[in-house]
Amino acid sequence: MSGPESSAPHQIFDPRALAARRRRALALGPETFLIDRVAEDLADRLGAVSRQFAVAADLGTPTAALARALAVVPTIGRLFTFGPPERADNDAAADPELPPFGPASLDLVVSALALQTVNDLPGALAQIRRALRPDGLLLACLFGAGTLTELREAFAIAESDTTGGISPRVAPFADLRDLGGLVQRAGLALPVTDVDRVVVRYDHPLALMADLRRMGAANPLSARRRAPLRRATLARLFEVYAERFADPDGRLRATFEIAWISGWAPHDSQQKPLRPGSAKLRLADALKAAEHKLPGEGS
């Protein structure tokens, strides 16, 4: 690499490092099994929605896999792609941190495995909400908190044992409950979150690390240690991984947690919660149970 990578001190993820990782992945030959899987899943989920989306945008997805999968979804009219500069089929390059959308210009925004490295995710979701027309939909997936827990734990033990300290080696990803709150905070109605855990097995930790490089997913943290990994630390990492995360046949597990989020721009046609006191049937009557008043309650 020609020079040191740097970033603003308040950023969790280093944008220059992210771009460098994507360029290296292309040079090595990208590993696409995860992005291909979630692209098909997203297309299936969207196919179950009985709603027409005249104008849609694919935001940040690192490859053309999602655009290909959505090409056969009949409810989508025109899909515009806004991916990283390295993506060949872009309609325009875009940073998911700053979506280039006008107000109320889209019926649908989709994104696959891109939003997990956005430094200001609440801000990005709020901008997506602003870009959606009434009753427009956001449907996205990103890596969740359970991603690469095995590698995270093995690195922590290995560094602690060999250097006496721990440095950031695996990115922190958002918890599913937090993501649901962020969708709601952005002003999207009817938020839904769920998770899909994908366990991949490897012969050796080096094979996992090679896949991460080819996904462009090697350590992009601003606070990462710049010094090369010590041989003793790497050897201890291999030992810990084999001791703790091997199946009976000796192969090693690596978990990828795919967190799904969705929400709709508010519209009068959507279901709304009942006003307090508006129920026409008492709970006690519905359950055919006796109703007992607490001390101090009125008659």
Protein backbone atom coordinates (compact mmCIF):
# COMPACT_ATOMS: atom_id res chain seq x y z
CA MET A 1 0.00 0.00 0.00
CA SER A 2 1.45 3.36 -0.99
CA GLY A 3 0.73 5.28 2.21
CA PRO A 4 -0.98 5.13 5.63
CA GLU A 5 -4.75 4.91 5.78
CA SER A 6 -6.42 7.62 7.83
CA SER A 7 -9.87 8.74 8.81
CA ALA A 8 -11.65 11.31 10.92
CA PRO A 9 -11.26 10.48 14.64
CA HIS A 10 -15.01 10.21 15.33
CA GLN A 11 -15.61 7.57 12.66
CA ILE A 12 -15.98 3.92 13.63
CA PHE A 13 -15.29 2.79 10.07
CA ASP A 14 -12.51 4.19 7.91
CA PRO A 15 -13.92 5.09 4.46
CA ARG A 16 -10.50 4.91 2.81
CA ALA A 17 -9.91 1.47 4.27
CA LEU A 18 -13.33 0.30 3.09
CA ALA A 19 -12.58 1.43 -0.46
CA ALA A 20 -9.15 -0.21 -0.36
CA ARG A 21 -10.70 -3.47 0.85
CA ARG A 22 -13.21 -3.44 -2.01
CA ARG A 23 -10.49 -2.82 -4.60
CA ARG A 24 -8.41 -5.67 -3.19
CA ALA A 25 -11.42 -8.00 -3.29
CA LEU A 26 -11.89 -7.26 -6.99
CA ALA A 27 -8.21 -7.86 -7.67
CA LEU A 28 -8.27 -11.18 -5.81
CA GLY A 29 -11.55 -12.30 -7.36
CA PRO A 30 -14.61 -11.59 -5.18
CA GLU A 31 -16.22 -14.24 -2.98
CA THR A 32 -19.97 -13.83 -3.49
CA PHE A 33 -21.75 -16.73 -1.76
CA LEU A 34 -23.23 -14.52 0.97
CA ILE A 35 -24.31 -11.63 -1.25
CA ASP A 36 -25.82 -14.08 -3.74
CA ARG A 37 -27.77 -15.78 -0.95
CA VAL A 38 -29.21 -12.59 0.53
CA ALA A 39 -30.04 -11.19 -2.93
CA GLU A 40 -32.26 -14.20 -3.65
CA ASP A 41 -33.79 -13.95 -0.18
CA LEU A 42 -34.57 -10.26 -0.61
CA ALA A 43 -36.21 -10.92 -3.98
CA ASP A 44 -38.35 -13.65 -2.39
CA ARG A 45 -39.39 -11.34 0.45
CA LEU A 46 -40.30 -8.59 -1.97
CA GLY A 47 -42.21 -11.00 -4.16
CA ALA A 48 -44.55 -11.66 -1.23
CA VAL A 49 -45.54 -7.96 -1.02
CA SER A 50 -48.71 -7.18 -3.00
CA ARG A 51 -47.71 -3.65 -3.94
CA GLN A 52 -46.39 -2.03 -7.11
CA PHE A 53 -43.12 -0.08 -6.85
CA ALA A 54 -42.79 2.19 -9.87
CA VAL A 55 -39.41 3.68 -8.94
CA ALA A 56 -36.90 1.77 -6.79
CA ALA A 57 -33.29 2.25 -5.72
CA ASP A 58 -30.63 -0.27 -4.76
CA LEU A 59 -28.41 1.55 -2.24
CA GLY A 60 -24.85 0.47 -1.52
CA THR A 61 -25.08 -3.21 -2.48
CA PRO A 62 -21.50 -4.14 -3.37
CA THR A 63 -22.27 -6.32 -6.42
CA ALA A 64 -24.90 -6.66 -9.14
CA ALA A 65 -26.40 -9.76 -7.47
CA LEU A 66 -29.39 -7.91 -6.03
CA ALA A 67 -30.17 -6.06 -9.27
CA ARG A 68 -30.12 -9.39 -11.12
CA ALA A 69 -32.41 -11.04 -8.58
CA LEU A 70 -34.89 -8.14 -8.66
CA ALA A 71 -34.98 -8.03 -12.46
CA VAL A 72 -37.57 -10.83 -12.44
CA VAL A 73 -39.76 -9.34 -9.68
CA PRO A 74 -42.84 -8.09 -11.58
CA THR A 75 -43.88 -5.50 -8.99
CA ILE A 76 -40.79 -3.34 -9.61
CA GLY A 77 -40.89 -0.80 -12.43
CA ARG A 78 -37.51 0.97 -12.78
CA LEU A 79 -34.63 0.00 -10.49
CA PHE A 80 -31.75 2.48 -10.16
CA THR A 81 -28.45 1.24 -8.73
CA PHE A 82 -26.35 3.38 -6.39
CA GLY A 83 -23.36 1.28 -5.33
CA PRO A 84 -19.69 1.83 -4.51
CA PRO A 85 -17.50 3.22 -7.32
CA GLU A 86 -16.04 -0.25 -7.96
CA ARG A 87 -19.44 -1.64 -8.98
CA ALA A 88 -19.58 -1.85 -12.77
CA ASP A 89 -23.35 -1.61 -13.30
CA ASN A 90 -23.98 1.55 -11.25
CA ASP A 91 -26.40 4.15 -12.50
CA ALA A 92 -24.40 6.39 -10.18
CA ALA A 93 -21.78 5.79 -7.50
CA ALA A 94 -23.04 6.66 -4.04
CA ASP A 95 -22.09 6.50 -0.39
CA PRO A 96 -24.88 4.92 1.72
CA GLU A 97 -23.98 7.50 4.35
CA LEU A 98 -25.26 10.23 2.00
CA PRO A 99 -28.01 8.76 -0.20
CA PRO A 100 -28.37 10.95 -3.33
CA PHE A 101 -32.16 10.90 -3.34
CA GLY A 102 -34.63 13.75 -3.62
CA PRO A 103 -37.53 14.08 -1.18
CA ALA A 104 -40.46 11.71 -1.84
CA SER A 105 -38.82 10.45 -5.04
CA LEU A 106 -38.88 6.66 -4.51
CA ASP A 107 -41.41 3.91 -3.88
CA LEU A 108 -38.82 1.38 -2.72
CA VAL A 109 -35.28 1.38 -1.32
CA VAL A 110 -33.39 -1.91 -1.02
CA SER A 111 -29.89 -2.60 0.25
CA ALA A 112 -27.89 -5.80 0.78
CA LEU A 113 -24.88 -6.12 3.09
CA ALA A 114 -23.87 -2.47 2.88
CA LEU A 115 -25.41 -0.52 5.77
CA GLN A 116 -23.37 -2.28 8.49
CA THR A 117 -20.35 -0.06 7.79
CA VAL A 118 -22.23 3.25 7.75
CA ASN A 119 -20.89 5.51 10.49
CA ASP A 120 -24.18 7.37 10.96
CA LEU A 121 -26.82 4.68 10.47
CA PRO A 122 -29.63 6.68 12.14
CA GLY A 123 -28.89 9.58 9.77
CA ALA A 124 -28.82 7.32 6.71
CA LEU A 125 -32.15 5.73 7.65
CA ALA A 126 -33.69 9.17 8.20
CA GLN A 127 -32.55 10.24 4.71
CA ILE A 128 -34.03 7.07 3.21
CA ARG A 129 -37.30 7.80 4.98
CA ARG A 130 -37.25 11.32 3.53
CA ALA A 131 -36.74 9.91 0.02
CA LEU A 132 -39.68 7.51 0.22
CA ARG A 133 -43.10 8.48 -1.05
CA PRO A 134 -46.06 7.81 1.25
CA ASP A 135 -46.47 4.04 1.60
CA GLY A 136 -42.96 3.51 0.20
CA LEU A 137 -40.91 0.62 1.55
CA LEU A 138 -37.38 0.17 2.89
CA LEU A 139 -36.18 -3.45 2.79
CA ALA A 140 -32.56 -4.12 3.68
CA CYS A 141 -30.19 -6.60 5.26
CA LEU A 142 -26.88 -6.04 6.99
CA PHE A 143 -24.50 -7.97 9.19
CA GLY A 144 -25.81 -8.26 12.74
CA ALA A 145 -24.13 -8.47 16.14
CA GLY A 146 -23.62 -12.24 16.00
CA THR A 147 -21.42 -12.06 12.90
CA LEU A 148 -17.97 -13.67 13.28
CA THR A 149 -18.35 -14.16 17.03
CA GLU A 150 -15.94 -17.10 16.83
CA LEU A 151 -13.21 -15.05 15.16
CA ARG A 152 -13.78 -12.15 17.56
CA GLU A 153 -13.39 -14.41 20.61
CA ALA A 154 -10.35 -16.24 19.23
CA PHE A 155 -8.61 -12.95 18.41
CA ALA A 156 -9.34 -11.54 21.88
CA ILE A 157 -7.89 -14.58 23.66
CA ALA A 158 -4.89 -14.84 21.33
CA GLU A 159 -3.93 -11.16 21.71
CA SER A 160 -4.48 -11.21 25.45
CA ASP A 161 -2.28 -14.28 25.81
CA THR A 162 0.55 -13.03 23.58
CA THR A 163 0.54 -9.23 23.98
CA GLY A 164 -1.27 -8.59 27.26
CA GLY A 165 -3.97 -6.50 25.56
CA ILE A 166 -6.77 -6.51 23.00
CA SER A 167 -7.11 -4.41 19.83
CA PRO A 168 -10.16 -4.01 17.56
CA ARG A 169 -9.96 -6.83 15.02
CA VAL A 170 -13.59 -7.58 14.10
CA ALA A 171 -16.12 -4.82 13.44
CA PRO A 172 -18.93 -4.26 15.96
CA PHE A 173 -22.32 -4.75 14.32
CA ALA A 174 -25.74 -3.63 15.52
CA ASP A 175 -28.02 -5.77 17.67
CA LEU A 176 -31.37 -6.71 16.13
CA ARG A 177 -33.36 -4.92 18.85
CA ASP A 178 -31.35 -1.75 18.32
CA LEU A 179 -31.97 -1.93 14.58
CA GLY A 180 -35.73 -2.11 15.13
CA GLY A 181 -35.53 1.00 17.28
CA LEU A 182 -33.49 2.84 14.65
CA VAL A 183 -36.06 2.03 11.93
CA GLN A 184 -38.81 3.44 14.14
CA ARG A 185 -36.71 6.46 15.13
CA ALA A 186 -36.21 7.26 11.43
CA GLY A 187 -39.97 7.76 11.12
CA LEU A 188 -40.80 4.52 9.34
CA ALA A 189 -44.07 2.80 10.21
CA LEU A 190 -44.78 -0.90 10.77
CA PRO A 191 -41.10 -1.77 11.42
CA VAL A 192 -40.14 -5.44 11.18
CA THR A 193 -36.81 -7.08 12.01
CA ASP A 194 -35.68 -10.69 11.87
CA VAL A 195 -32.42 -12.59 11.63
CA ASP A 196 -30.96 -15.38 9.52
CA ARG A 197 -27.85 -17.10 10.87
CA VAL A 198 -25.56 -18.65 8.29
CA VAL A 199 -22.87 -21.01 9.60
CA VAL A 200 -20.02 -21.66 7.17
CA ARG A 201 -17.38 -24.33 7.85
CA TYR A 202 -13.69 -24.05 7.04
CA ASP A 203 -10.67 -26.33 7.18
CA HIS A 204 -8.51 -23.59 8.72
CA PRO A 205 -8.88 -20.00 10.00
CA LEU A 206 -6.71 -18.83 7.11
CA ALA A 207 -9.40 -19.99 4.69
CA LEU A 208 -11.96 -17.85 6.54
CA MET A 209 -9.62 -14.85 6.46
CA ALA A 210 -9.07 -15.34 2.72
CA ASP A 211 -12.84 -15.31 2.16
CA LEU A 212 -13.20 -12.13 4.21
CA ARG A 213 -10.56 -10.42 2.06
CA ARG A 214 -12.34 -11.53 -1.11
CA MET A 215 -15.61 -10.16 0.30
CA GLY A 216 -13.93 -6.82 0.98
CA ALA A 217 -14.75 -7.44 4.66
CA ALA A 218 -11.31 -7.38 6.28
CA ASN A 219 -10.88 -5.06 9.26
CA PRO A 220 -12.03 -1.53 8.25
CA LEU A 221 -12.10 -0.03 11.76
CA SER A 222 -10.61 3.40 12.29
CA ALA A 223 -9.13 2.22 15.61
CA ARG A 224 -7.53 -0.90 14.12
CA ARG A 225 -3.91 -1.63 14.96
CA ARG A 226 -1.70 -0.73 12.00
CA ALA A 227 1.25 -2.92 13.02
CA PRO A 228 1.41 -6.37 11.39
CA LEU A 229 -0.08 -9.23 13.37
CA ARG A 230 2.57 -11.05 15.40
CA ARG A 231 3.35 -14.62 14.41
CA ALA A 232 2.86 -15.75 18.01
CA THR A 233 -0.58 -14.11 18.09
CA LEU A 234 -1.58 -15.73 14.82
CA ALA A 235 -0.40 -19.15 16.00
CA ARG A 236 -2.37 -18.77 19.24
CA LEU A 237 -5.42 -17.68 17.25
CA PHE A 238 -5.26 -20.93 15.26
CA GLU A 239 -5.04 -22.93 18.49
CA VAL A 240 -7.96 -21.17 20.18
CA TYR A 241 -10.17 -21.42 17.10
CA ALA A 242 -9.52 -25.17 16.80
CA GLU A 243 -10.05 -25.73 20.54
CA ARG A 244 -13.33 -23.83 20.82
CA PHE A 245 -15.07 -23.82 17.44
CA ALA A 246 -14.30 -27.13 15.74
CA ASP A 247 -16.96 -29.69 14.83
CA PRO A 248 -16.31 -33.40 15.47
CA ASP A 249 -14.87 -33.76 11.96
CA GLY A 250 -12.29 -31.05 12.69
CA ARG A 251 -13.80 -28.35 10.49
CA LEU A 252 -14.19 -24.87 11.97
CA ARG A 253 -17.42 -22.88 12.27
CA ALA A 254 -17.86 -19.22 11.27
CA THR A 255 -21.20 -17.50 11.88
CA PHE A 256 -22.61 -14.74 9.71
CA GLU A 257 -25.73 -13.14 11.21
CA ILE A 258 -27.90 -11.52 8.54
CA ALA A 259 -30.19 -8.92 10.14
CA TRP A 260 -33.26 -7.95 8.11
CA ILE A 261 -35.05 -4.64 8.55
CA SER A 262 -38.09 -3.16 6.88
CA GLY A 263 -40.38 -0.20 7.37
CA TRP A 264 -42.92 1.86 5.45
CA ALA A 265 -43.23 5.58 4.93
CA PRO A 266 -46.43 6.52 6.78
CA HIS A 267 -49.68 6.56 4.81
CA ASP A 268 -53.35 6.90 5.78
CA SER A 269 -54.14 3.42 4.45
CA GLN A 270 -51.81 1.70 6.93
CA GLN A 271 -52.98 0.01 10.10
CA LYS A 272 -52.74 2.17 13.19
CA PRO A 273 -52.91 1.29 16.88
CA LEU A 274 -56.24 1.91 18.60
CA ARG A 275 -56.57 4.96 20.81
CA PRO A 276 -56.40 4.21 24.56
CA GLY A 277 -59.91 3.49 25.86
CA SER A 278 -61.40 2.85 22.41
CA ALA A 279 -61.76 -0.93 22.81
CA LYS A 280 -65.34 -2.19 22.51
CA LEU A 281 -64.71 -5.45 24.40
CA ARG A 282 -63.26 -5.79 27.88
CA LEU A 283 -60.33 -8.21 28.32
CA ALA A 284 -62.16 -9.95 31.18
CA ASP A 285 -65.16 -10.59 28.93
CA ALA A 286 -62.98 -11.94 26.13
CA LEU A 287 -61.26 -14.35 28.54
CA LYS A 288 -64.54 -15.21 30.32
CA ALA A 289 -62.81 -14.38 33.58
CA ALA A 290 -63.90 -12.58 36.73
CA GLU A 291 -62.65 -9.01 36.99
CA HIS A 292 -61.14 -7.93 40.31
CA LYS A 293 -60.41 -4.30 41.14
CA LEU A 294 -57.24 -3.28 42.91
CA PRO A 295 -57.50 -1.55 46.32
CA GLY A 296 -58.18 2.14 45.86
CA GLU A 297 -59.73 1.79 42.37
CA GLY A 298 -63.12 3.35 41.80
CA SER A 299 -66.26 1.34 41.41
